[in-house]
């Protein structure tokens, strides 16, 4: 399932995403780094592809030729407001990963 990073709205299957594409739910850009399967906060310039120049704003449309819409996990909602997770969810995810009470 392809879903908007901001609001979590599912995007039509098989529909191409262009630089001008926007989400029908929230009106935000869809061709952004945070919607891309190659986006990785820990990678060089936050991208798993070998890009020549960094993308300054990861939440605005860009001209990247490597863009591929990422698949959302079941039950995953839009992260909105800069992709910040709520502290409780982050703590629960940490405990699931490393074990704990």
C-alpha atoms as a PDB file:
ATOM      1  CA  UNK A   1       0.000   0.000   0.000  1.00  0.00           C
ATOM      2  CA  UNK A   2       1.288   3.462  -0.890  1.00  0.00           C
ATOM      3  CA  UNK A   3       0.290   6.135   1.624  1.00  0.00           C
ATOM      4  CA  UNK A   4       0.927   9.845   2.117  1.00  0.00           C
ATOM      5  CA  UNK A   5       3.677  10.583   4.647  1.00  0.00           C
ATOM      6  CA  UNK A   6       1.675  13.463   6.112  1.00  0.00           C
ATOM      7  CA  UNK A   7      -1.886  12.162   6.506  1.00  0.00           C
ATOM      8  CA  UNK A   8      -1.603   8.422   5.834  1.00  0.00           C
ATOM      9  CA  UNK A   9      -4.197   8.458   3.050  1.00  0.00           C
ATOM     10  CA  UNK A  10      -3.792   5.520   0.691  1.00  0.00           C
ATOM     11  CA  UNK A  11      -2.810   6.512  -2.836  1.00  0.00           C
ATOM     12  CA  UNK A  12      -4.322   4.874  -5.943  1.00  0.00           C
ATOM     13  CA  UNK A  13      -2.423   1.732  -6.933  1.00  0.00           C
ATOM     14  CA  UNK A  14      -0.414   1.944 -10.131  1.00  0.00           C
ATOM     15  CA  UNK A  15      -0.787   5.716 -10.449  1.00  0.00           C
ATOM     16  CA  UNK A  16       2.447   7.500 -11.390  1.00  0.00           C
ATOM     17  CA  UNK A  17       3.731  10.189  -9.072  1.00  0.00           C
ATOM     18  CA  UNK A  18       5.006  13.373 -10.694  1.00  0.00           C
ATOM     19  CA  UNK A  19       6.679  16.420  -9.162  1.00  0.00           C
ATOM     20  CA  UNK A  20       3.311  18.205  -9.248  1.00  0.00           C
ATOM     21  CA  UNK A  21       1.339  15.294  -7.725  1.00  0.00           C
ATOM     22  CA  UNK A  22      -0.451  16.079  -4.476  1.00  0.00           C
ATOM     23  CA  UNK A  23      -2.380  14.032  -1.930  1.00  0.00           C
ATOM     24  CA  UNK A  24      -6.160  14.209  -2.299  1.00  0.00           C
ATOM     25  CA  UNK A  25      -6.452  14.021   1.483  1.00  0.00           C
ATOM     26  CA  UNK A  26      -4.181  16.818   2.683  1.00  0.00           C
ATOM     27  CA  UNK A  27      -3.006  18.575  -0.487  1.00  0.00           C
ATOM     28  CA  UNK A  28       0.695  18.066   0.316  1.00  0.00           C
ATOM     29  CA  UNK A  29       3.319  17.092  -2.271  1.00  0.00           C
ATOM     30  CA  UNK A  30       3.705  13.352  -2.907  1.00  0.00           C
ATOM     31  CA  UNK A  31       7.060  13.260  -4.719  1.00  0.00           C
ATOM     32  CA  UNK A  32       9.092  13.965  -1.589  1.00  0.00           C
ATOM     33  CA  UNK A  33      12.026  12.186   0.001  1.00  0.00           C
ATOM     34  CA  UNK A  34       9.950  11.014   2.955  1.00  0.00           C
ATOM     35  CA  UNK A  35       7.585   9.148   0.606  1.00  0.00           C
ATOM     36  CA  UNK A  36      10.489   7.459  -1.209  1.00  0.00           C
ATOM     37  CA  UNK A  37      11.617   3.898  -0.591  1.00  0.00           C
ATOM     38  CA  UNK A  38      15.251   5.077  -0.678  1.00  0.00           C
ATOM     39  CA  UNK A  39      14.833   7.627   2.123  1.00  0.00           C
ATOM     40  CA  UNK A  40      16.877   6.682   5.183  1.00  0.00           C
ATOM     41  CA  UNK A  41      17.602   9.129   8.001  1.00  0.00           C
ATOM     42  CA  UNK A  42      20.946   7.459   8.765  1.00  0.00           C
ATOM     43  CA  UNK A  43      22.271   7.341   5.203  1.00  0.00           C
ATOM     44  CA  UNK A  44      24.549   9.837   3.475  1.00  0.00           C
ATOM     45  CA  UNK A  45      22.325  12.794   2.565  1.00  0.00           C
ATOM     46  CA  UNK A  46      19.470  10.653   3.937  1.00  0.00           C
ATOM     47  CA  UNK A  47      19.265   8.606   0.740  1.00  0.00           C
ATOM     48  CA  UNK A  48      20.199   4.994  -0.015  1.00  0.00           C
ATOM     49  CA  UNK A  49      20.825   5.870  -3.674  1.00  0.00           C
ATOM     50  CA  UNK A  50      24.026   7.512  -4.845  1.00  0.00           C
ATOM     51  CA  UNK A  51      22.879  11.076  -5.402  1.00  0.00           C
ATOM     52  CA  UNK A  52      25.199  13.881  -6.487  1.00  0.00           C
ATOM     53  CA  UNK A  53      23.557  16.708  -4.549  1.00  0.00           C
ATOM     54  CA  UNK A  54      21.570  16.693  -1.313  1.00  0.00           C
ATOM     55  CA  UNK A  55      17.868  17.520  -1.340  1.00  0.00           C
ATOM     56  CA  UNK A  56      17.501  20.446   1.047  1.00  0.00           C
ATOM     57  CA  UNK A  57      13.860  19.970   2.067  1.00  0.00           C
ATOM     58  CA  UNK A  58      12.831  16.326   2.421  1.00  0.00           C
ATOM     59  CA  UNK A  59       9.140  17.279   2.677  1.00  0.00           C
ATOM     60  CA  UNK A  60       8.811  19.302  -0.550  1.00  0.00           C
ATOM     61  CA  UNK A  61       8.523  18.094  -4.144  1.00  0.00           C
ATOM     62  CA  UNK A  62      11.803  17.570  -5.978  1.00  0.00           C
ATOM     63  CA  UNK A  63      13.188  16.397  -9.318  1.00  0.00           C
ATOM     64  CA  UNK A  64      14.918  13.226  -8.086  1.00  0.00           C
ATOM     65  CA  UNK A  65      15.051  10.592 -10.809  1.00  0.00           C
ATOM     66  CA  UNK A  66      15.441   7.731  -8.294  1.00  0.00           C
ATOM     67  CA  UNK A  67      12.062   8.330  -6.596  1.00  0.00           C
ATOM     68  CA  UNK A  68       9.975   5.217  -5.973  1.00  0.00           C
ATOM     69  CA  UNK A  69       6.937   5.464  -3.712  1.00  0.00           C
ATOM     70  CA  UNK A  70       7.607   3.474  -0.557  1.00  0.00           C
ATOM     71  CA  UNK A  71       5.255   0.786   0.714  1.00  0.00           C
ATOM     72  CA  UNK A  72       3.621   1.608   4.030  1.00  0.00           C
ATOM     73  CA  UNK A  73       3.378  -0.968   6.769  1.00  0.00           C
ATOM     74  CA  UNK A  74      -0.106  -2.255   7.715  1.00  0.00           C
ATOM     75  CA  UNK A  75      -1.691   0.074  10.249  1.00  0.00           C
ATOM     76  CA  UNK A  76       0.918   2.790   9.676  1.00  0.00           C
ATOM     77  CA  UNK A  77      -0.546   6.267   9.713  1.00  0.00           C
ATOM     78  CA  UNK A  78       0.826   9.518   8.394  1.00  0.00           C
ATOM     79  CA  UNK A  79       3.497  10.971  10.614  1.00  0.00           C
ATOM     80  CA  UNK A  80       2.774  14.602   9.746  1.00  0.00           C
ATOM     81  CA  UNK A  81       4.538  17.598  11.249  1.00  0.00           C
ATOM     82  CA  UNK A  82       8.018  16.660  10.152  1.00  0.00           C
ATOM     83  CA  UNK A  83       7.607  12.927  10.635  1.00  0.00           C
ATOM     84  CA  UNK A  84       7.831  13.084  14.415  1.00  0.00           C
ATOM     85  CA  UNK A  85       6.682   9.930  16.174  1.00  0.00           C
ATOM     86  CA  UNK A  86       4.769  10.283  19.387  1.00  0.00           C
ATOM     87  CA  UNK A  87       6.990   9.462  22.384  1.00  0.00           C
ATOM     88  CA  UNK A  88       4.807   6.539  23.505  1.00  0.00           C
ATOM     89  CA  UNK A  89       4.961   4.897  20.067  1.00  0.00           C
ATOM     90  CA  UNK A  90       8.716   5.412  19.864  1.00  0.00           C
ATOM     91  CA  UNK A  91       9.149   3.879  23.325  1.00  0.00           C
ATOM     92  CA  UNK A  92       6.929   0.890  22.433  1.00  0.00           C
ATOM     93  CA  UNK A  93       8.821   0.320  19.185  1.00  0.00           C
ATOM     94  CA  UNK A  94      12.123   0.452  21.085  1.00  0.00           C
ATOM     95  CA  UNK A  95      10.890  -2.102  23.624  1.00  0.00           C
ATOM     96  CA  UNK A  96       9.647  -4.427  20.884  1.00  0.00           C
ATOM     97  CA  UNK A  97      13.018  -4.250  19.183  1.00  0.00           C
ATOM     98  CA  UNK A  98      15.247  -4.670  22.231  1.00  0.00           C
ATOM     99  CA  UNK A  99      12.897  -6.332  24.701  1.00  0.00           C
ATOM    100  CA  UNK A 100      11.887  -4.885  27.984  1.00  0.00           C
ATOM    101  CA  UNK A 101       9.036  -4.458  30.352  1.00  0.00           C
END
